[in-house]
Amino acid sequence: MMTVTSLALEIAFVLVISPTSAFSKACETAGAVRVPIDVPEEVLCFPAHLFQRSKVDLLVSPIFLAVIVAGSAYVVRLLGILEVDDDAQ
């Protein structure tokens, strides 16, 4: 579930900054893409070559996600949050 969510956010970001997107049309410079930020009135345009995908992109997201999930599971186990207390019966 976390992998699907992570990839969905990445795909949404890539679609928004693509040169054919209506969102990117606000950039008047050829070869520039608009980067979404929290303030809708602000228009930040950067050269498109800064946002090229690389082969590393396919590995970094799943590895980072696996580290976060494993770390979270370790912290939950360390704190004993899911531990059932047998003396309570």
N, C-alpha and C. Protein backbone atom coordinates (compact mmCIF):
# COMPACT_ATOMS: atom_id res chain seq x y z
N MET A 1 0.82 -1.18 0.00
CA MET A 1 0.00 0.00 0.00
C MET A 1 0.87 1.25 0.00
N MET A 2 1.93 1.22 0.79
CA MET A 2 2.81 2.39 0.86
C MET A 2 3.56 2.59 -0.46
N THR A 3 3.92 1.51 -1.12
CA THR A 3 4.61 1.62 -2.40
C THR A 3 3.69 2.25 -3.45
N VAL A 4 2.45 1.80 -3.48
CA VAL A 4 1.48 2.36 -4.44
C VAL A 4 1.28 3.85 -4.17
N THR A 5 1.15 4.22 -2.91
CA THR A 5 0.97 5.63 -2.56
C THR A 5 2.18 6.45 -2.95
N SER A 6 3.36 5.94 -2.66
CA SER A 6 4.59 6.64 -3.00
C SER A 6 4.72 6.85 -4.51
N LEU A 7 4.47 5.79 -5.26
CA LEU A 7 4.57 5.89 -6.71
C LEU A 7 3.48 6.79 -7.29
N ALA A 8 2.29 6.77 -6.70
CA ALA A 8 1.21 7.63 -7.19
C ALA A 8 1.57 9.10 -7.01
N LEU A 9 2.17 9.45 -5.89
CA LEU A 9 2.59 10.83 -5.67
C LEU A 9 3.68 11.24 -6.64
N GLU A 10 4.61 10.35 -6.89
CA GLU A 10 5.69 10.64 -7.82
C GLU A 10 5.15 10.82 -9.24
N ILE A 11 4.23 9.97 -9.64
CA ILE A 11 3.62 10.07 -10.98
C ILE A 11 2.83 11.37 -11.10
N ALA A 12 2.10 11.73 -10.06
CA ALA A 12 1.32 12.98 -10.09
C ALA A 12 2.24 14.18 -10.24
N PHE A 13 3.36 14.18 -9.52
CA PHE A 13 4.30 15.29 -9.62
C PHE A 13 4.89 15.38 -11.01
N VAL A 14 5.26 14.24 -11.59
CA VAL A 14 5.84 14.23 -12.93
C VAL A 14 4.82 14.73 -13.96
N LEU A 15 3.57 14.33 -13.81
CA LEU A 15 2.54 14.78 -14.74
C LEU A 15 2.29 16.28 -14.63
N VAL A 16 2.36 16.81 -13.43
CA VAL A 16 2.11 18.24 -13.23
C VAL A 16 3.23 19.08 -13.83
N ILE A 17 4.48 18.63 -13.71
CA ILE A 17 5.59 19.45 -14.20
C ILE A 17 5.93 19.17 -15.66
N SER A 18 5.23 18.26 -16.32
CA SER A 18 5.53 17.98 -17.72
C SER A 18 5.23 19.21 -18.57
N PRO A 19 5.99 19.43 -19.62
CA PRO A 19 5.81 20.63 -20.45
C PRO A 19 4.43 20.71 -21.11
N THR A 20 3.76 19.59 -21.31
CA THR A 20 2.45 19.61 -21.95
C THR A 20 1.31 19.89 -20.96
N SER A 21 1.62 19.91 -19.68
CA SER A 21 0.61 20.15 -18.66
C SER A 21 0.12 21.59 -18.70
N ALA A 22 -1.16 21.80 -18.44
CA ALA A 22 -1.72 23.15 -18.37
C ALA A 22 -1.09 23.93 -17.23
N PHE A 23 -0.66 23.24 -16.21
CA PHE A 23 0.00 23.88 -15.07
C PHE A 23 1.31 24.53 -15.50
N SER A 24 2.02 23.91 -16.44
CA SER A 24 3.31 24.42 -16.89
C SER A 24 3.18 25.54 -17.91
N LYS A 25 1.99 25.76 -18.43
CA LYS A 25 1.80 26.80 -19.45
C LYS A 25 2.06 28.20 -18.89
N ALA A 26 2.06 28.37 -17.57
CA ALA A 26 2.29 29.68 -16.96
C ALA A 26 3.72 30.16 -17.19
N CYS A 27 4.63 29.25 -17.49
CA CYS A 27 6.01 29.63 -17.78
C CYS A 27 6.09 30.14 -19.21
N GLU A 28 6.54 31.35 -19.36
CA GLU A 28 6.61 31.95 -20.68
C GLU A 28 7.93 31.64 -21.39
N THR A 29 8.88 31.11 -20.68
CA THR A 29 10.18 30.76 -21.25
C THR A 29 10.11 29.38 -21.87
N ALA A 30 10.62 29.26 -23.08
CA ALA A 30 10.64 27.95 -23.74
C ALA A 30 11.60 27.02 -23.01
N GLY A 31 11.18 25.78 -22.81
CA GLY A 31 12.02 24.79 -22.15
C GLY A 31 12.02 24.91 -20.63
N ALA A 32 11.07 25.64 -20.08
CA ALA A 32 10.98 25.78 -18.63
C ALA A 32 9.71 25.10 -18.13
N VAL A 33 9.77 24.59 -16.92
CA VAL A 33 8.61 23.97 -16.30
C VAL A 33 8.31 24.68 -14.99
N ARG A 34 7.05 24.75 -14.67
CA ARG A 34 6.61 25.36 -13.42
C ARG A 34 6.63 24.31 -12.33
N VAL A 35 7.21 24.65 -11.20
CA VAL A 35 7.28 23.72 -10.07
C VAL A 35 6.18 24.09 -9.08
N PRO A 36 5.32 23.12 -8.72
CA PRO A 36 4.23 23.42 -7.78
C PRO A 36 4.77 23.70 -6.38
N ILE A 37 4.22 24.76 -5.77
CA ILE A 37 4.58 25.09 -4.40
C ILE A 37 3.29 25.34 -3.63
N ASP A 38 3.41 25.65 -2.35
CA ASP A 38 2.23 25.81 -1.50
C ASP A 38 1.40 27.05 -1.83
N VAL A 39 2.04 28.09 -2.33
CA VAL A 39 1.34 29.33 -2.62
C VAL A 39 0.95 29.34 -4.10
N PRO A 40 -0.34 29.23 -4.43
CA PRO A 40 -0.75 29.11 -5.84
C PRO A 40 -0.41 30.34 -6.68
N GLU A 41 -0.33 31.52 -6.08
CA GLU A 41 -0.06 32.72 -6.84
C GLU A 41 1.39 32.81 -7.31
N GLU A 42 2.29 32.14 -6.62
CA GLU A 42 3.70 32.17 -6.98
C GLU A 42 3.96 31.26 -8.17
N VAL A 43 4.76 31.73 -9.10
CA VAL A 43 5.12 30.94 -10.27
C VAL A 43 6.64 30.79 -10.27
N LEU A 44 7.12 29.59 -10.01
CA LEU A 44 8.55 29.29 -10.05
C LEU A 44 8.81 28.43 -11.27
N CYS A 45 9.59 28.94 -12.20
CA CYS A 45 9.92 28.21 -13.42
C CYS A 45 11.40 27.85 -13.42
N PHE A 46 11.69 26.61 -13.74
CA PHE A 46 13.06 26.11 -13.80
C PHE A 46 13.30 25.46 -15.16
N PRO A 47 14.55 25.40 -15.59
CA PRO A 47 14.85 24.72 -16.85
C PRO A 47 14.44 23.25 -16.78
N ALA A 48 13.88 22.75 -17.86
CA ALA A 48 13.36 21.37 -17.88
C ALA A 48 14.45 20.34 -17.70
N HIS A 49 15.68 20.62 -18.10
CA HIS A 49 16.74 19.61 -17.99
C HIS A 49 17.08 19.28 -16.54
N LEU A 50 16.65 20.10 -15.59
CA LEU A 50 16.88 19.79 -14.17
C LEU A 50 15.97 18.68 -13.66
N PHE A 51 14.92 18.36 -14.42
CA PHE A 51 13.93 17.38 -13.97
C PHE A 51 13.91 16.11 -14.80
N GLN A 52 15.01 15.76 -15.39
CA GLN A 52 15.06 14.53 -16.17
C GLN A 52 15.09 13.33 -15.24
N ARG A 53 14.46 12.27 -15.67
CA ARG A 53 14.47 11.03 -14.89
C ARG A 53 15.77 10.29 -15.13
N SER A 54 16.22 9.62 -14.11
CA SER A 54 17.42 8.82 -14.25
C SER A 54 17.11 7.38 -13.84
N LYS A 55 18.04 6.50 -14.10
CA LYS A 55 17.86 5.09 -13.73
C LYS A 55 17.83 4.91 -12.22
N VAL A 56 18.48 5.80 -11.50
CA VAL A 56 18.54 5.71 -10.04
C VAL A 56 17.16 5.98 -9.43
N ASP A 57 16.33 6.78 -10.10
CA ASP A 57 15.00 7.10 -9.58
C ASP A 57 14.16 5.85 -9.34
N LEU A 58 14.34 4.84 -10.17
CA LEU A 58 13.56 3.61 -10.02
C LEU A 58 13.99 2.80 -8.81
N LEU A 59 15.21 3.01 -8.33
CA LEU A 59 15.70 2.26 -7.18
C LEU A 59 15.57 3.01 -5.86
N VAL A 60 15.73 4.31 -5.89
CA VAL A 60 15.77 5.09 -4.65
C VAL A 60 14.44 5.05 -3.92
N SER A 61 13.33 5.27 -4.60
CA SER A 61 12.03 5.29 -3.92
C SER A 61 11.69 3.98 -3.22
N PRO A 62 11.78 2.82 -3.91
CA PRO A 62 11.46 1.57 -3.20
C PRO A 62 12.43 1.24 -2.07
N ILE A 63 13.71 1.55 -2.25
CA ILE A 63 14.68 1.28 -1.18
C ILE A 63 14.41 2.17 0.02
N PHE A 64 14.17 3.46 -0.22
CA PHE A 64 13.85 4.37 0.87
C PHE A 64 12.58 3.93 1.59
N LEU A 65 11.59 3.54 0.83
CA LEU A 65 10.34 3.08 1.41
C LEU A 65 10.55 1.83 2.27
N ALA A 66 11.35 0.89 1.78
CA ALA A 66 11.62 -0.33 2.54
C ALA A 66 12.34 -0.01 3.85
N VAL A 67 13.27 0.93 3.80
CA VAL A 67 14.00 1.32 5.02
C VAL A 67 13.05 1.96 6.03
N ILE A 68 12.16 2.81 5.55
CA ILE A 68 11.20 3.47 6.45
C ILE A 68 10.25 2.45 7.08
N VAL A 69 9.72 1.53 6.29
CA VAL A 69 8.80 0.51 6.81
C VAL A 69 9.51 -0.40 7.80
N ALA A 70 10.72 -0.84 7.46
CA ALA A 70 11.48 -1.71 8.38
C ALA A 70 11.82 -0.96 9.67
N GLY A 71 12.20 0.29 9.54
CA GLY A 71 12.50 1.09 10.74
C GLY A 71 11.29 1.28 11.62
N SER A 72 10.14 1.53 11.00
CA SER A 72 8.91 1.70 11.76
C SER A 72 8.53 0.40 12.48
N ALA A 73 8.66 -0.73 11.79
CA ALA A 73 8.35 -2.02 12.41
C ALA A 73 9.30 -2.30 13.58
N TYR A 74 10.56 -1.93 13.41
CA TYR A 74 11.54 -2.14 14.49
C TYR A 74 11.20 -1.28 15.70
N VAL A 75 10.81 -0.03 15.47
CA VAL A 75 10.45 0.86 16.58
C VAL A 75 9.21 0.34 17.29
N VAL A 76 8.21 -0.12 16.55
CA VAL A 76 7.00 -0.67 17.16
C VAL A 76 7.35 -1.89 18.00
N ARG A 77 8.21 -2.74 17.48
CA ARG A 77 8.62 -3.94 18.23
C ARG A 77 9.44 -3.57 19.47
N LEU A 78 10.33 -2.57 19.31
CA LEU A 78 11.17 -2.14 20.41
C LEU A 78 10.34 -1.55 21.54
N LEU A 79 9.33 -0.78 21.21
CA LEU A 79 8.49 -0.16 22.22
C LEU A 79 7.45 -1.11 22.79
N GLY A 80 7.25 -2.24 22.13
CA GLY A 80 6.30 -3.22 22.62
C GLY A 80 4.86 -2.79 22.47
N ILE A 81 4.58 -1.98 21.47
CA ILE A 81 3.21 -1.47 21.29
C ILE A 81 2.23 -2.59 20.98
N LEU A 82 2.65 -3.57 20.21
CA LEU A 82 1.74 -4.65 19.83
C LEU A 82 1.89 -5.88 20.72
N GLU A 83 2.63 -5.75 21.78
CA GLU A 83 2.86 -6.88 22.66
C GLU A 83 1.61 -7.17 23.50
N VAL A 84 1.20 -8.40 23.52
CA VAL A 84 0.03 -8.80 24.29
C VAL A 84 0.50 -9.22 25.69
N ASP A 85 -0.15 -8.67 26.70
CA ASP A 85 0.24 -8.97 28.06
C ASP A 85 -0.55 -10.19 28.56
N ASP A 86 0.16 -11.30 28.82
CA ASP A 86 -0.51 -12.55 29.25
C ASP A 86 -1.03 -12.46 30.68
N ASP A 87 -0.51 -11.57 31.50
CA ASP A 87 -0.93 -11.46 32.90
C ASP A 87 -2.28 -10.78 33.08
N ALA A 88 -2.76 -10.14 32.03
CA ALA A 88 -4.03 -9.41 32.12
C ALA A 88 -5.23 -10.34 32.17
N GLN A 89 -5.09 -11.61 31.88
CA GLN A 89 -6.23 -12.53 31.84
C GLN A 89 -6.62 -12.98 33.18
